[in-house]
């Protein structure tokens, strides 16, 4: 327990030192000018979702936004929140930071009490800045960048994601403890910050468990690279295969890299974070096998171990005629779920009171998983994550792995 407390303390101390200059820079970019809000009707409470249903962010924002709508439906079916009907207003921000800022300002003027921001810090920060300036709670659906949760923007900003470095530490801990792997090859995609943070966390935990010499090689590539032949050559020139490798990337670069390594005869286990979720890209790697990744829940084509999550998937499919394209979609439900729980416990929609209740969450059993916030850290660093194995293109859930236990856990 002391080690777990120290892990969180170390995270809090480290992240508190980051990104002060970025805060000032983002304030300038957002150009926040807020008019007096037009209040929602007396019998309703408004929440907003300035997220993208078009542009490249649509793939990451659509499922969480739809999930948030289901959460609103569930709350209203039970009589609403503090006697008021909840209404969610979505504005398509078109993967455009300027549109994101404008949308958030419009929602604040309408009287939104909570704003769900994008599943990416760069895309969602303009909305979070607007919310912070207006003293409105802002919660990202699945943005895993630590800047969403370390007060870079302010104390009214949270994320439902697990920190990217923490997911890297989790998959490393699982590989070392449950599979017994001792050596690893690390390949980092420099495309986005998530990829770099994922590998940074993996390296840290792997070396803690197996020593510095357990990393046989570190290399990098760019998502848009047509070929990773030079990276393959450098690895094969070592003359001895590692027990496993991690490719910190997202499709399409992830699929391309895996296909090339497999074609070159490199058959060792490949690990990934949440960037590997969603089976849509598997067809780009025929016969994908010996591949492991983690997620908040099962994605399309994967059997979900938790009954509450499976019930959500059925409700989603009924409403939208398909399952969420990503296991990260479930986080949108918990954005609304977490805020509503805090409102109920506070007995108020007041931002300070709601924030105070959210900061008391300790392994709160939300649909996105066990969730913990503190007054210093508004993201998760020790949440159990679902480990999924892919063999012969068939994904199978292995269970929810808790780095604090060093084992699979159930809490439902």
Protein backbone atom coordinates (compact mmCIF):
# COMPACT_ATOMS: atom_id res chain seq x y z
CA UNK A 1 0.00 0.00 0.00
CA UNK A 2 2.87 2.38 0.84
CA UNK A 3 4.36 1.74 -2.60
CA UNK A 4 1.04 2.58 -4.27
CA UNK A 5 0.69 5.76 -2.25
CA UNK A 6 4.25 6.70 -3.15
CA UNK A 7 3.51 6.06 -6.84
CA UNK A 8 0.59 8.47 -6.77
CA UNK A 9 2.62 10.98 -4.70
CA UNK A 10 5.45 10.82 -7.22
CA UNK A 11 2.98 11.41 -10.07
CA UNK A 12 1.46 14.37 -8.28
CA UNK A 13 4.83 15.92 -7.50
CA UNK A 14 6.12 15.43 -11.04
CA UNK A 15 3.06 16.67 -12.88
CA UNK A 16 2.66 19.69 -10.62
CA UNK A 17 5.97 20.98 -12.02
CA UNK A 18 4.91 20.67 -15.68
CA UNK A 19 3.38 22.94 -18.25
CA UNK A 20 3.04 26.33 -16.54
CA UNK A 21 4.10 28.13 -19.71
CA UNK A 22 1.65 26.05 -21.76
CA UNK A 23 -1.20 27.38 -19.63
CA UNK A 24 -0.41 30.96 -20.64
CA UNK A 25 0.02 30.00 -24.27
CA UNK A 26 -3.33 28.21 -24.46
CA UNK A 27 -5.12 31.12 -22.83
CA UNK A 28 -3.88 33.30 -25.67
CA UNK A 29 -4.98 30.80 -28.31
CA UNK A 30 -8.48 30.39 -26.93
CA UNK A 31 -9.22 34.13 -27.02
CA UNK A 32 -11.96 33.75 -24.44
CA UNK A 33 -14.67 36.41 -24.51
CA UNK A 34 -17.75 35.33 -22.61
CA UNK A 35 -21.12 37.02 -22.84
CA UNK A 36 -23.71 36.80 -20.07
CA UNK A 37 -25.14 33.27 -20.19
CA UNK A 38 -28.68 32.58 -21.33
CA UNK A 39 -29.91 30.26 -18.63
CA UNK A 40 -31.52 26.90 -19.30
CA UNK A 41 -35.19 26.48 -18.46
CA UNK A 42 -36.05 26.32 -14.77
CA UNK A 43 -36.97 22.65 -14.93
CA UNK A 44 -33.80 21.49 -16.68
CA UNK A 45 -30.04 21.47 -16.29
CA UNK A 46 -27.88 21.80 -19.37
CA UNK A 47 -24.60 20.02 -20.11
CA UNK A 48 -22.58 20.56 -23.27
CA UNK A 49 -20.43 18.50 -25.62
CA UNK A 50 -18.25 20.58 -27.95
CA UNK A 51 -16.81 17.51 -29.71
CA UNK A 52 -16.06 16.47 -33.27
CA UNK A 53 -18.42 14.50 -35.47
CA UNK A 54 -16.35 15.44 -38.55
CA UNK A 55 -12.64 15.63 -39.27
CA UNK A 56 -10.07 13.15 -37.97
CA UNK A 57 -11.19 13.53 -34.32
CA UNK A 58 -14.64 12.14 -35.19
CA UNK A 59 -13.26 8.61 -34.84
CA UNK A 60 -12.38 9.37 -31.21
CA UNK A 61 -15.25 11.69 -30.20
CA UNK A 62 -18.37 10.17 -31.77
CA UNK A 63 -18.72 7.07 -29.56
CA UNK A 64 -18.06 8.91 -26.26
CA UNK A 65 -20.55 11.65 -27.17
CA UNK A 66 -23.21 9.09 -28.03
CA UNK A 67 -22.40 7.27 -24.78
CA UNK A 68 -22.94 10.52 -22.88
CA UNK A 69 -26.38 10.81 -24.49
CA UNK A 70 -27.26 7.34 -23.21
CA UNK A 71 -26.17 8.36 -19.71
CA UNK A 72 -28.48 11.38 -19.92
CA UNK A 73 -31.33 9.11 -21.04
CA UNK A 74 -30.71 6.83 -18.05
CA UNK A 75 -30.66 9.73 -15.58
CA UNK A 76 -33.87 11.22 -16.95
CA UNK A 77 -35.58 7.83 -16.93
CA UNK A 78 -34.99 7.80 -13.16
CA UNK A 79 -36.47 11.24 -12.62
CA UNK A 80 -33.58 13.53 -13.52
CA UNK A 81 -31.02 15.18 -11.28
CA UNK A 82 -32.00 17.18 -8.18
CA UNK A 83 -35.49 17.47 -9.60
CA UNK A 84 -34.37 18.73 -13.00
CA UNK A 85 -34.31 17.07 -16.40
CA UNK A 86 -30.82 16.83 -17.89
CA UNK A 87 -30.37 18.06 -21.43
CA UNK A 88 -27.20 17.49 -23.44
CA UNK A 89 -26.39 19.91 -26.26
CA UNK A 90 -23.81 18.78 -28.79
CA UNK A 91 -21.99 21.13 -31.16
CA UNK A 92 -19.79 19.62 -33.88
CA UNK A 93 -16.39 21.30 -33.56
CA UNK A 94 -15.14 19.77 -36.83
CA UNK A 95 -11.66 19.01 -35.44
CA UNK A 96 -10.99 22.75 -35.45
CA UNK A 97 -9.58 24.45 -32.29
CA UNK A 98 -11.20 27.79 -33.19
CA UNK A 99 -14.59 26.12 -33.63
CA UNK A 100 -14.06 24.29 -30.35
CA UNK A 101 -13.56 27.52 -28.47
CA UNK A 102 -16.61 29.11 -30.12
CA UNK A 103 -18.76 26.08 -29.34
CA UNK A 104 -17.72 26.05 -25.70
CA UNK A 105 -18.49 29.75 -25.37
CA UNK A 106 -21.93 29.20 -26.87
CA UNK A 107 -22.62 26.40 -24.40
CA UNK A 108 -21.49 28.50 -21.45
CA UNK A 109 -23.78 31.31 -22.58
CA UNK A 110 -26.66 28.83 -22.65
CA UNK A 111 -25.91 28.00 -19.02
CA UNK A 112 -24.13 24.65 -19.28
CA UNK A 113 -23.17 23.30 -15.84
CA UNK A 114 -20.69 20.77 -17.22
CA UNK A 115 -18.81 20.51 -20.51
CA UNK A 116 -17.46 17.26 -21.92
CA UNK A 117 -14.31 17.94 -23.93
CA UNK A 118 -12.60 15.98 -26.69
CA UNK A 119 -10.71 12.71 -26.37
CA UNK A 120 -7.45 14.57 -27.03
CA UNK A 121 -5.79 17.43 -25.16
CA UNK A 122 -4.80 19.50 -28.19
CA UNK A 123 -8.32 19.25 -29.59
CA UNK A 124 -10.16 19.71 -26.32
CA UNK A 125 -8.02 22.27 -24.50
CA UNK A 126 -9.74 25.32 -26.06
CA UNK A 127 -13.08 24.14 -24.65
CA UNK A 128 -11.54 23.32 -21.28
CA UNK A 129 -10.05 26.83 -21.14
CA UNK A 130 -13.44 28.39 -21.77
CA UNK A 131 -15.03 26.23 -19.07
CA UNK A 132 -12.29 27.04 -16.56
CA UNK A 133 -12.63 30.77 -17.19
CA UNK A 134 -16.37 30.50 -16.60
CA UNK A 135 -16.01 28.29 -13.49
CA UNK A 136 -17.71 25.35 -15.20
CA UNK A 137 -16.62 21.74 -14.68
CA UNK A 138 -14.93 20.32 -17.80
CA UNK A 139 -14.31 16.59 -18.20
CA UNK A 140 -12.54 14.99 -21.14
CA UNK A 141 -13.97 11.68 -22.28
CA UNK A 142 -10.72 9.80 -22.93
CA UNK A 143 -7.91 12.33 -23.35
CA UNK A 144 -4.94 10.57 -21.71
CA UNK A 145 -2.46 13.46 -21.82
CA UNK A 146 -1.43 14.30 -18.24
CA UNK A 147 -2.05 18.01 -18.94
CA UNK A 148 -5.79 17.28 -18.80
CA UNK A 149 -5.46 16.21 -15.17
CA UNK A 150 -2.55 18.08 -13.59
CA UNK A 151 -4.06 21.58 -13.30
CA UNK A 152 -2.30 22.86 -16.43
CA UNK A 153 -5.54 24.62 -17.35
CA UNK A 154 -7.09 24.79 -13.90
CA UNK A 155 -8.81 22.97 -11.07
CA UNK A 156 -12.18 22.63 -12.82
CA UNK A 157 -10.73 20.34 -15.52
CA UNK A 158 -10.78 16.53 -15.25
CA UNK A 159 -10.36 13.58 -17.60
CA UNK A 160 -12.08 10.20 -17.46
CA UNK A 161 -9.01 8.62 -19.10
CA UNK A 162 -6.21 6.71 -17.48
CA UNK A 163 -2.94 8.64 -17.83
CA UNK A 164 -0.94 7.47 -20.87
CA UNK A 165 2.20 6.77 -18.84
CA UNK A 166 0.12 4.77 -16.37
CA UNK A 167 -1.23 2.54 -19.15
CA UNK A 168 2.34 1.92 -20.28
CA UNK A 169 3.32 0.93 -16.75
CA UNK A 170 0.29 -1.36 -16.52
CA UNK A 171 0.99 -3.32 -19.70
CA UNK A 172 4.66 -3.63 -18.67
CA UNK A 173 3.70 -4.90 -15.22
CA UNK A 174 1.31 -7.47 -16.72
CA UNK A 175 3.89 -8.69 -19.25
CA UNK A 176 6.61 -9.10 -16.66
CA UNK A 177 4.51 -10.61 -13.87
CA UNK A 178 1.87 -12.67 -15.67
CA UNK A 179 3.82 -13.74 -18.77
CA UNK A 180 7.29 -13.85 -17.23
CA UNK A 181 8.92 -11.84 -20.02
CA UNK A 182 12.35 -10.49 -19.10
CA UNK A 183 13.55 -8.54 -22.15
CA UNK A 184 11.81 -6.05 -24.41
CA UNK A 185 12.28 -4.08 -27.62
CA UNK A 186 10.65 -0.64 -27.58
CA UNK A 187 9.49 1.10 -30.76
CA UNK A 188 7.98 4.58 -30.36
CA UNK A 189 5.82 6.35 -32.92
CA UNK A 190 6.60 10.09 -32.64
CA UNK A 191 3.21 11.05 -34.15
CA UNK A 192 1.37 12.20 -31.00
CA UNK A 193 2.22 12.79 -27.35
CA UNK A 194 0.14 9.80 -26.24
CA UNK A 195 2.48 7.41 -28.05
CA UNK A 196 5.57 8.91 -26.45
CA UNK A 197 4.00 8.95 -23.00
CA UNK A 198 2.88 5.33 -23.34
CA UNK A 199 6.40 4.14 -24.11
CA UNK A 200 7.86 6.36 -21.40
CA UNK A 201 5.65 4.65 -18.81
CA UNK A 202 6.43 1.19 -20.21
CA UNK A 203 10.18 1.79 -20.06
CA UNK A 204 10.01 3.06 -16.51
CA UNK A 205 8.09 0.08 -15.14
CA UNK A 206 9.92 -2.55 -17.21
CA UNK A 207 13.30 -1.35 -15.94
CA UNK A 208 12.02 -1.26 -12.36
CA UNK A 209 11.04 -4.92 -12.65
CA UNK A 210 13.76 -6.33 -14.91
CA UNK A 211 16.68 -3.89 -14.77
CA UNK A 212 18.11 -1.41 -17.25
CA UNK A 213 19.73 -4.13 -19.36
CA UNK A 214 16.33 -5.74 -19.99
CA UNK A 215 15.62 -3.23 -22.80
CA UNK A 216 17.49 -4.70 -25.76
CA UNK A 217 16.82 -1.75 -28.07
CA UNK A 218 14.89 1.53 -28.24
CA UNK A 219 13.95 2.87 -31.67
CA UNK A 220 11.40 5.20 -33.24
CA UNK A 221 9.40 5.84 -36.41
CA UNK A 222 6.76 8.21 -37.74
CA UNK A 223 3.17 7.13 -38.25
CA UNK A 224 3.25 8.23 -41.87
CA UNK A 225 6.41 6.28 -42.68
CA UNK A 226 5.85 3.88 -45.58
CA UNK A 227 8.63 1.59 -44.42
CA UNK A 228 10.15 0.52 -41.10
CA UNK A 229 12.75 -1.66 -42.81
CA UNK A 230 15.66 0.10 -41.11
CA UNK A 231 14.09 -0.41 -37.69
CA UNK A 232 13.57 -4.10 -38.47
CA UNK A 233 17.20 -4.43 -39.58
CA UNK A 234 18.52 -2.80 -36.41
CA UNK A 235 16.47 -5.16 -34.29
CA UNK A 236 17.43 -8.31 -36.23
CA UNK A 237 21.10 -7.29 -36.14
CA UNK A 238 21.01 -7.83 -32.38
CA UNK A 239 21.11 -11.55 -33.17
CA UNK A 240 18.88 -12.48 -30.25
CA UNK A 241 15.11 -11.95 -30.07
CA UNK A 242 13.56 -10.07 -27.18
CA UNK A 243 10.84 -11.78 -25.16
CA UNK A 244 8.37 -9.12 -26.32
CA UNK A 245 8.14 -5.77 -28.04
CA UNK A 246 5.91 -2.75 -27.57
CA UNK A 247 4.89 -0.54 -30.48
CA UNK A 248 3.55 2.71 -29.05
CA UNK A 249 1.43 3.91 -31.94
CA UNK A 250 -2.06 4.19 -33.43
CA UNK A 251 -3.49 3.06 -36.78
CA UNK A 252 -2.71 3.29 -39.61
CA UNK A 253 0.97 3.41 -38.68
CA UNK A 254 0.52 0.71 -36.05
CA UNK A 255 -0.97 -1.74 -38.55
CA UNK A 256 1.71 -1.00 -41.13
CA UNK A 257 4.54 -1.51 -38.64
CA UNK A 258 3.12 -4.79 -37.31
CA UNK A 259 2.56 -6.14 -40.82
CA UNK A 260 6.14 -5.37 -41.82
CA UNK A 261 7.66 -6.90 -38.68
CA UNK A 262 5.60 -10.06 -39.10
CA UNK A 263 6.48 -10.28 -42.80
CA UNK A 264 10.14 -10.05 -41.80
CA UNK A 265 9.73 -13.09 -39.55
CA UNK A 266 9.62 -11.26 -36.23
CA UNK A 267 6.98 -13.30 -34.37
CA UNK A 268 7.57 -12.19 -30.77
CA UNK A 269 4.59 -10.90 -28.72
CA UNK A 270 3.62 -7.32 -29.53
CA UNK A 271 2.18 -5.06 -26.82
CA UNK A 272 0.14 -1.87 -27.18
CA UNK A 273 -1.91 0.57 -25.11
CA UNK A 274 -5.38 1.91 -25.84
CA UNK A 275 -4.10 2.99 -29.26
CA UNK A 276 -4.47 -0.63 -30.36
CA UNK A 277 -8.19 -0.91 -29.66
CA UNK A 278 -10.88 -1.36 -32.30
CA UNK A 279 -10.88 -4.36 -34.60
CA UNK A 280 -11.49 -2.35 -37.78
CA UNK A 281 -7.77 -2.13 -38.52
CA UNK A 282 -7.04 -5.84 -37.96
CA UNK A 283 -7.76 -6.67 -41.59
CA UNK A 284 -4.62 -4.72 -42.50
CA UNK A 285 -2.60 -7.42 -40.73
CA UNK A 286 -3.89 -10.77 -42.03
CA UNK A 287 -3.86 -13.44 -39.33
CA UNK A 288 -2.92 -10.96 -36.61
CA UNK A 289 -1.62 -13.01 -33.68
CA UNK A 290 0.44 -12.75 -30.51
CA UNK A 291 -0.83 -9.21 -30.04
CA UNK A 292 -1.90 -7.78 -26.68
CA UNK A 293 -3.40 -4.43 -25.77
CA UNK A 294 -5.38 -2.86 -22.96
CA UNK A 295 -8.54 -0.80 -22.81
CA UNK A 296 -11.27 0.61 -20.55
CA UNK A 297 -13.74 -1.96 -21.82
CA UNK A 298 -14.28 -4.37 -24.68
CA UNK A 299 -14.42 -2.89 -28.16
CA UNK A 300 -16.51 -4.16 -31.06
CA UNK A 301 -16.06 -7.88 -31.52
CA UNK A 302 -14.78 -8.50 -27.98
CA UNK A 303 -16.84 -10.14 -25.23
CA UNK A 304 -17.12 -7.83 -22.23
CA UNK A 305 -16.57 -9.53 -18.82
CA UNK A 306 -18.58 -6.91 -16.86
CA UNK A 307 -22.38 -7.22 -16.95
CA UNK A 308 -22.90 -3.46 -16.51
CA UNK A 309 -20.64 -2.69 -19.47
CA UNK A 310 -22.32 -5.35 -21.61
CA UNK A 311 -25.72 -3.85 -20.76
CA UNK A 312 -24.41 -0.49 -21.92
CA UNK A 313 -23.24 -1.97 -25.22
CA UNK A 314 -26.70 -3.44 -25.83
CA UNK A 315 -28.33 -0.07 -25.11
CA UNK A 316 -25.87 1.64 -27.44
CA UNK A 317 -26.56 -0.86 -30.20
CA UNK A 318 -30.31 -0.45 -29.76
CA UNK A 319 -30.06 3.34 -30.03
CA UNK A 320 -27.47 3.59 -32.81
CA UNK A 321 -27.70 0.20 -34.59
CA UNK A 322 -24.07 -0.59 -33.91
CA UNK A 323 -21.67 -1.14 -31.03
CA UNK A 324 -19.16 1.59 -30.19
CA UNK A 325 -16.25 1.46 -32.60
CA UNK A 326 -13.82 1.74 -29.70
CA UNK A 327 -13.59 0.45 -26.15
CA UNK A 328 -12.82 4.03 -25.17
CA UNK A 329 -16.39 5.04 -26.07
CA UNK A 330 -17.64 3.92 -22.68
CA UNK A 331 -15.77 6.80 -21.03
CA UNK A 332 -18.33 9.29 -22.37
CA UNK A 333 -21.03 7.60 -20.30
CA UNK A 334 -18.91 7.96 -17.18
CA UNK A 335 -18.25 11.65 -17.78
CA UNK A 336 -21.97 12.24 -17.20
CA UNK A 337 -22.17 9.49 -14.58
CA UNK A 338 -19.31 10.94 -12.49
CA UNK A 339 -20.60 14.50 -12.66
CA UNK A 340 -24.14 13.39 -11.75
CA UNK A 341 -22.90 11.39 -8.74
CA UNK A 342 -20.94 14.41 -7.51
CA UNK A 343 -23.96 16.66 -7.99
CA UNK A 344 -26.17 14.29 -5.99
CA UNK A 345 -23.66 14.04 -3.15
CA UNK A 346 -23.15 17.80 -3.12
CA UNK A 347 -26.90 18.39 -3.32
CA UNK A 348 -26.04 21.24 -5.66
CA UNK A 349 -24.92 22.15 -9.17
CA UNK A 350 -22.40 24.62 -7.71
CA UNK A 351 -19.02 24.07 -9.36
CA UNK A 352 -16.93 24.30 -6.18
CA UNK A 353 -19.15 21.82 -4.35
CA UNK A 354 -19.31 19.40 -7.29
CA UNK A 355 -15.55 19.56 -7.81
CA UNK A 356 -15.03 18.86 -4.11
CA UNK A 357 -17.14 15.70 -4.33
CA UNK A 358 -15.35 14.49 -7.45
CA UNK A 359 -12.02 14.94 -5.69
CA UNK A 360 -13.21 12.46 -3.06
CA UNK A 361 -13.62 9.64 -5.59
CA UNK A 362 -11.52 6.66 -4.51
CA UNK A 363 -11.93 3.58 -6.70
CA UNK A 364 -15.40 4.88 -7.58
CA UNK A 365 -17.08 2.06 -9.58
CA UNK A 366 -18.01 3.95 -12.73
CA UNK A 367 -18.82 2.34 -16.05
CA UNK A 368 -15.34 3.31 -17.30
CA UNK A 369 -13.83 1.41 -14.37
CA UNK A 370 -12.56 2.16 -10.87
CA UNK A 371 -11.96 5.90 -10.80
CA UNK A 372 -9.89 7.97 -8.37
CA UNK A 373 -9.38 11.74 -8.26
CA UNK A 374 -7.60 13.89 -5.68
CA UNK A 375 -7.39 17.66 -5.17
CA UNK A 376 -4.02 17.54 -6.94
CA UNK A 377 -4.65 14.98 -9.67
CA UNK A 378 -7.75 14.93 -11.87
CA UNK A 379 -6.80 11.84 -13.86
CA UNK A 380 -6.23 8.15 -13.09
CA UNK A 381 -2.87 6.46 -12.58
CA UNK A 382 -3.83 3.14 -10.98
CA UNK A 383 -7.07 2.07 -12.67
CA UNK A 384 -7.50 -1.64 -13.57
CA UNK A 385 -7.50 -2.04 -17.37
CA UNK A 386 -8.88 -4.81 -19.58
CA UNK A 387 -6.10 -6.85 -21.20
CA UNK A 388 -7.10 -8.24 -24.59
CA UNK A 389 -5.27 -10.97 -26.51
CA UNK A 390 -5.52 -11.35 -30.30
CA UNK A 391 -4.77 -14.74 -31.84
CA UNK A 392 -5.58 -15.56 -35.48
CA UNK A 393 -7.41 -12.23 -35.72
CA UNK A 394 -9.74 -13.20 -32.84
CA UNK A 395 -9.66 -10.84 -29.82
CA UNK A 396 -10.27 -12.46 -26.42
CA UNK A 397 -10.47 -10.58 -23.08
CA UNK A 398 -8.09 -11.91 -20.43
CA UNK A 399 -9.50 -9.84 -17.57
CA UNK A 400 -9.05 -6.53 -15.80
CA UNK A 401 -5.47 -6.17 -14.57
CA UNK A 402 -4.69 -4.04 -11.50
CA UNK A 403 -1.07 -2.92 -11.22
CA UNK A 404 -1.57 -2.40 -7.48
CA UNK A 405 -2.39 -6.08 -7.04
CA UNK A 406 -0.14 -7.42 -9.77
CA UNK A 407 -3.06 -9.57 -10.85
CA UNK A 408 -6.50 -9.65 -12.44
CA UNK A 409 -9.34 -8.29 -10.32
CA UNK A 410 -13.13 -8.09 -10.24
CA UNK A 411 -15.10 -5.35 -8.49
CA UNK A 412 -18.56 -5.87 -9.95
